């Protein structure tokens, strides 16, 4: 299984970016999908996460870090095995490398594995 993340870049404060992370390979099911970020000199932290199951109406149970609630939206496209992070009203403190993280049951072994994308830089600066 491979993850390909994209969508980072340089944006002014108040601007928007949309991150994508597509999974490919031997996938039986995706149990959870999410985004983390790591700013320079800081530990990696959770940004947003979708866990399959829970509220089926909403497509899964969603968790956001308090610092991004109301500004960021996580979503998924099951047909494309892709998770998105729409980031609005960006602030300089959102500057970080963003990593996607997927909990996948592989089709060949039917075992669950934790996969990380390669990271994409988001810089919010005027």
C-alpha atoms as a PDB file:
ATOM      1  CA  UNK A   1       0.000   0.000   0.000  1.00  0.00           C
ATOM      2  CA  UNK A   2       1.206   3.486  -0.857  1.00  0.00           C
ATOM      3  CA  UNK A   3      -0.072   6.890   0.164  1.00  0.00           C
ATOM      4  CA  UNK A   4       0.337   9.971  -2.023  1.00  0.00           C
ATOM      5  CA  UNK A   5      -0.279  13.302  -0.351  1.00  0.00           C
ATOM      6  CA  UNK A   6      -0.591  16.598  -2.192  1.00  0.00           C
ATOM      7  CA  UNK A   7      -1.981  20.105  -1.936  1.00  0.00           C
ATOM      8  CA  UNK A   8       0.406  21.921   0.361  1.00  0.00           C
ATOM      9  CA  UNK A   9       1.945  25.268  -0.394  1.00  0.00           C
ATOM     10  CA  UNK A  10       2.352  28.888   0.618  1.00  0.00           C
ATOM     11  CA  UNK A  11      -0.764  30.883   1.436  1.00  0.00           C
ATOM     12  CA  UNK A  12      -1.485  34.216   3.055  1.00  0.00           C
ATOM     13  CA  UNK A  13      -3.251  34.414   6.410  1.00  0.00           C
ATOM     14  CA  UNK A  14      -6.983  34.004   5.913  1.00  0.00           C
ATOM     15  CA  UNK A  15      -6.468  31.926   2.804  1.00  0.00           C
ATOM     16  CA  UNK A  16      -7.438  28.359   2.030  1.00  0.00           C
ATOM     17  CA  UNK A  17      -5.771  25.141   0.956  1.00  0.00           C
ATOM     18  CA  UNK A  18      -7.052  21.650   0.270  1.00  0.00           C
ATOM     19  CA  UNK A  19      -4.902  18.640   1.043  1.00  0.00           C
ATOM     20  CA  UNK A  20      -5.471  15.234  -0.528  1.00  0.00           C
ATOM     21  CA  UNK A  21      -4.121  11.812   0.331  1.00  0.00           C
ATOM     22  CA  UNK A  22      -4.804   8.887  -1.966  1.00  0.00           C
ATOM     23  CA  UNK A  23      -4.151   5.288  -1.023  1.00  0.00           C
ATOM     24  CA  UNK A  24      -3.347   2.633  -3.594  1.00  0.00           C
ATOM     25  CA  UNK A  25      -2.419  -1.026  -3.562  1.00  0.00           C
ATOM     26  CA  UNK A  26      -3.812  -4.103  -1.868  1.00  0.00           C
ATOM     27  CA  UNK A  27      -6.662  -2.561   0.102  1.00  0.00           C
ATOM     28  CA  UNK A  28      -9.514  -4.544   1.604  1.00  0.00           C
ATOM     29  CA  UNK A  29     -10.893  -1.778   3.773  1.00  0.00           C
ATOM     30  CA  UNK A  30      -9.891   1.566   5.246  1.00  0.00           C
ATOM     31  CA  UNK A  31     -10.761   1.648   8.917  1.00  0.00           C
ATOM     32  CA  UNK A  32      -9.695   5.189   9.711  1.00  0.00           C
ATOM     33  CA  UNK A  33      -8.264   8.173   7.847  1.00  0.00           C
ATOM     34  CA  UNK A  34      -6.783  11.327   9.210  1.00  0.00           C
ATOM     35  CA  UNK A  35      -4.314  14.163   9.220  1.00  0.00           C
ATOM     36  CA  UNK A  36      -1.547  15.102  11.624  1.00  0.00           C
ATOM     37  CA  UNK A  37       0.858  18.010  11.534  1.00  0.00           C
ATOM     38  CA  UNK A  38       4.281  18.785  12.879  1.00  0.00           C
ATOM     39  CA  UNK A  39       5.569  22.306  13.221  1.00  0.00           C
ATOM     40  CA  UNK A  40       9.274  23.009  13.485  1.00  0.00           C
ATOM     41  CA  UNK A  41      10.565  22.117  16.927  1.00  0.00           C
ATOM     42  CA  UNK A  42       7.251  20.643  18.043  1.00  0.00           C
ATOM     43  CA  UNK A  43       5.744  17.206  18.372  1.00  0.00           C
ATOM     44  CA  UNK A  44       3.399  15.774  15.784  1.00  0.00           C
ATOM     45  CA  UNK A  45      -0.221  16.480  16.668  1.00  0.00           C
ATOM     46  CA  UNK A  46      -3.619  15.296  15.530  1.00  0.00           C
ATOM     47  CA  UNK A  47      -5.487  17.675  13.227  1.00  0.00           C
ATOM     48  CA  UNK A  48      -8.551  15.680  12.181  1.00  0.00           C
ATOM     49  CA  UNK A  49      -9.599  12.062  11.920  1.00  0.00           C
ATOM     50  CA  UNK A  50     -12.438   9.938  10.555  1.00  0.00           C
ATOM     51  CA  UNK A  51     -13.094   6.526  12.079  1.00  0.00           C
ATOM     52  CA  UNK A  52     -15.322   4.257  10.015  1.00  0.00           C
ATOM     53  CA  UNK A  53     -18.496   3.133  11.717  1.00  0.00           C
ATOM     54  CA  UNK A  54     -20.121   5.037  14.560  1.00  0.00           C
ATOM     55  CA  UNK A  55     -22.474   7.488  12.924  1.00  0.00           C
ATOM     56  CA  UNK A  56     -23.193   5.867   9.586  1.00  0.00           C
ATOM     57  CA  UNK A  57     -25.240   8.839   8.491  1.00  0.00           C
ATOM     58  CA  UNK A  58     -22.192  11.052   8.624  1.00  0.00           C
ATOM     59  CA  UNK A  59     -19.901   8.473   7.145  1.00  0.00           C
ATOM     60  CA  UNK A  60     -17.978   7.844  10.311  1.00  0.00           C
ATOM     61  CA  UNK A  61     -16.981   9.415  13.603  1.00  0.00           C
ATOM     62  CA  UNK A  62     -14.998  12.631  13.108  1.00  0.00           C
ATOM     63  CA  UNK A  63     -12.597  14.257  15.535  1.00  0.00           C
ATOM     64  CA  UNK A  64     -10.949  17.683  15.214  1.00  0.00           C
ATOM     65  CA  UNK A  65      -8.250  19.363  17.217  1.00  0.00           C
ATOM     66  CA  UNK A  66      -9.708  22.307  19.117  1.00  0.00           C
ATOM     67  CA  UNK A  67      -7.360  24.663  17.293  1.00  0.00           C
ATOM     68  CA  UNK A  68      -8.897  23.879  13.888  1.00  0.00           C
ATOM     69  CA  UNK A  69     -12.573  23.395  14.723  1.00  0.00           C
ATOM     70  CA  UNK A  70     -14.775  25.554  12.526  1.00  0.00           C
ATOM     71  CA  UNK A  71     -11.944  26.208  10.066  1.00  0.00           C
ATOM     72  CA  UNK A  72     -10.876  22.781   8.788  1.00  0.00           C
ATOM     73  CA  UNK A  73     -13.073  20.059   7.319  1.00  0.00           C
ATOM     74  CA  UNK A  74     -12.034  16.460   6.803  1.00  0.00           C
ATOM     75  CA  UNK A  75     -13.820  14.341   4.229  1.00  0.00           C
ATOM     76  CA  UNK A  76     -13.347  11.097   2.360  1.00  0.00           C
ATOM     77  CA  UNK A  77     -14.083   9.576  -1.021  1.00  0.00           C
ATOM     78  CA  UNK A  78     -14.423   5.854  -0.475  1.00  0.00           C
ATOM     79  CA  UNK A  79     -14.453   5.061  -4.183  1.00  0.00           C
ATOM     80  CA  UNK A  80     -11.090   6.762  -4.627  1.00  0.00           C
ATOM     81  CA  UNK A  81      -9.584   5.665  -1.283  1.00  0.00           C
ATOM     82  CA  UNK A  82      -8.841   9.328  -0.681  1.00  0.00           C
ATOM     83  CA  UNK A  83      -9.043  11.591   2.338  1.00  0.00           C
ATOM     84  CA  UNK A  84      -9.191  15.372   2.058  1.00  0.00           C
ATOM     85  CA  UNK A  85      -8.529  18.236   4.420  1.00  0.00           C
ATOM     86  CA  UNK A  86     -10.114  21.539   3.493  1.00  0.00           C
ATOM     87  CA  UNK A  87      -8.360  24.281   5.412  1.00  0.00           C
ATOM     88  CA  UNK A  88      -9.978  27.706   5.561  1.00  0.00           C
ATOM     89  CA  UNK A  89      -9.140  30.882   7.464  1.00  0.00           C
ATOM     90  CA  UNK A  90      -5.550  29.737   7.751  1.00  0.00           C
ATOM     91  CA  UNK A  91      -3.351  31.283  10.412  1.00  0.00           C
ATOM     92  CA  UNK A  92       0.444  31.514  10.683  1.00  0.00           C
ATOM     93  CA  UNK A  93       0.279  28.993  13.533  1.00  0.00           C
ATOM     94  CA  UNK A  94      -1.101  26.428  11.079  1.00  0.00           C
ATOM     95  CA  UNK A  95       2.312  26.361   9.406  1.00  0.00           C
ATOM     96  CA  UNK A  96       3.615  22.801   9.585  1.00  0.00           C
ATOM     97  CA  UNK A  97       4.302  19.651   7.645  1.00  0.00           C
ATOM     98  CA  UNK A  98       0.996  17.810   7.299  1.00  0.00           C
ATOM     99  CA  UNK A  99       0.922  14.016   7.250  1.00  0.00           C
ATOM    100  CA  UNK A 100      -1.940  11.744   6.313  1.00  0.00           C
ATOM    101  CA  UNK A 101      -2.426   8.568   8.311  1.00  0.00           C
ATOM    102  CA  UNK A 102      -4.570   5.611   7.272  1.00  0.00           C
ATOM    103  CA  UNK A 103      -5.487   2.456   9.132  1.00  0.00           C
ATOM    104  CA  UNK A 104      -5.901  -0.116   6.358  1.00  0.00           C
ATOM    105  CA  UNK A 105      -6.819  -3.778   6.234  1.00  0.00           C
ATOM    106  CA  UNK A 106      -4.858  -5.181   3.303  1.00  0.00           C
ATOM    107  CA  UNK A 107      -6.525  -7.526   0.836  1.00  0.00           C
ATOM    108  CA  UNK A 108      -3.638 -10.001   0.687  1.00  0.00           C
ATOM    109  CA  UNK A 109      -3.284 -10.698   4.418  1.00  0.00           C
ATOM    110  CA  UNK A 110      -6.507  -9.270   5.886  1.00  0.00           C
ATOM    111  CA  UNK A 111      -4.310  -7.733   8.583  1.00  0.00           C
ATOM    112  CA  UNK A 112      -4.581  -4.130   9.757  1.00  0.00           C
ATOM    113  CA  UNK A 113      -1.632  -1.829   9.207  1.00  0.00           C
ATOM    114  CA  UNK A 114      -0.904   1.816   9.943  1.00  0.00           C
ATOM    115  CA  UNK A 115       0.347   3.850   6.984  1.00  0.00           C
ATOM    116  CA  UNK A 116       1.763   7.388   6.776  1.00  0.00           C
ATOM    117  CA  UNK A 117       1.998   9.699   3.803  1.00  0.00           C
ATOM    118  CA  UNK A 118       5.230  11.466   2.923  1.00  0.00           C
ATOM    119  CA  UNK A 119       4.205  14.832   4.378  1.00  0.00           C
ATOM    120  CA  UNK A 120       3.303  18.048   2.618  1.00  0.00           C
ATOM    121  CA  UNK A 121       4.448  21.495   3.727  1.00  0.00           C
ATOM    122  CA  UNK A 122       1.857  24.147   4.522  1.00  0.00           C
ATOM    123  CA  UNK A 123       3.202  27.645   5.106  1.00  0.00           C
ATOM    124  CA  UNK A 124       0.927  30.486   6.134  1.00  0.00           C
ATOM    125  CA  UNK A 125       2.698  33.807   5.810  1.00  0.00           C
ATOM    126  CA  UNK A 126       2.207  37.273   4.437  1.00  0.00           C
END
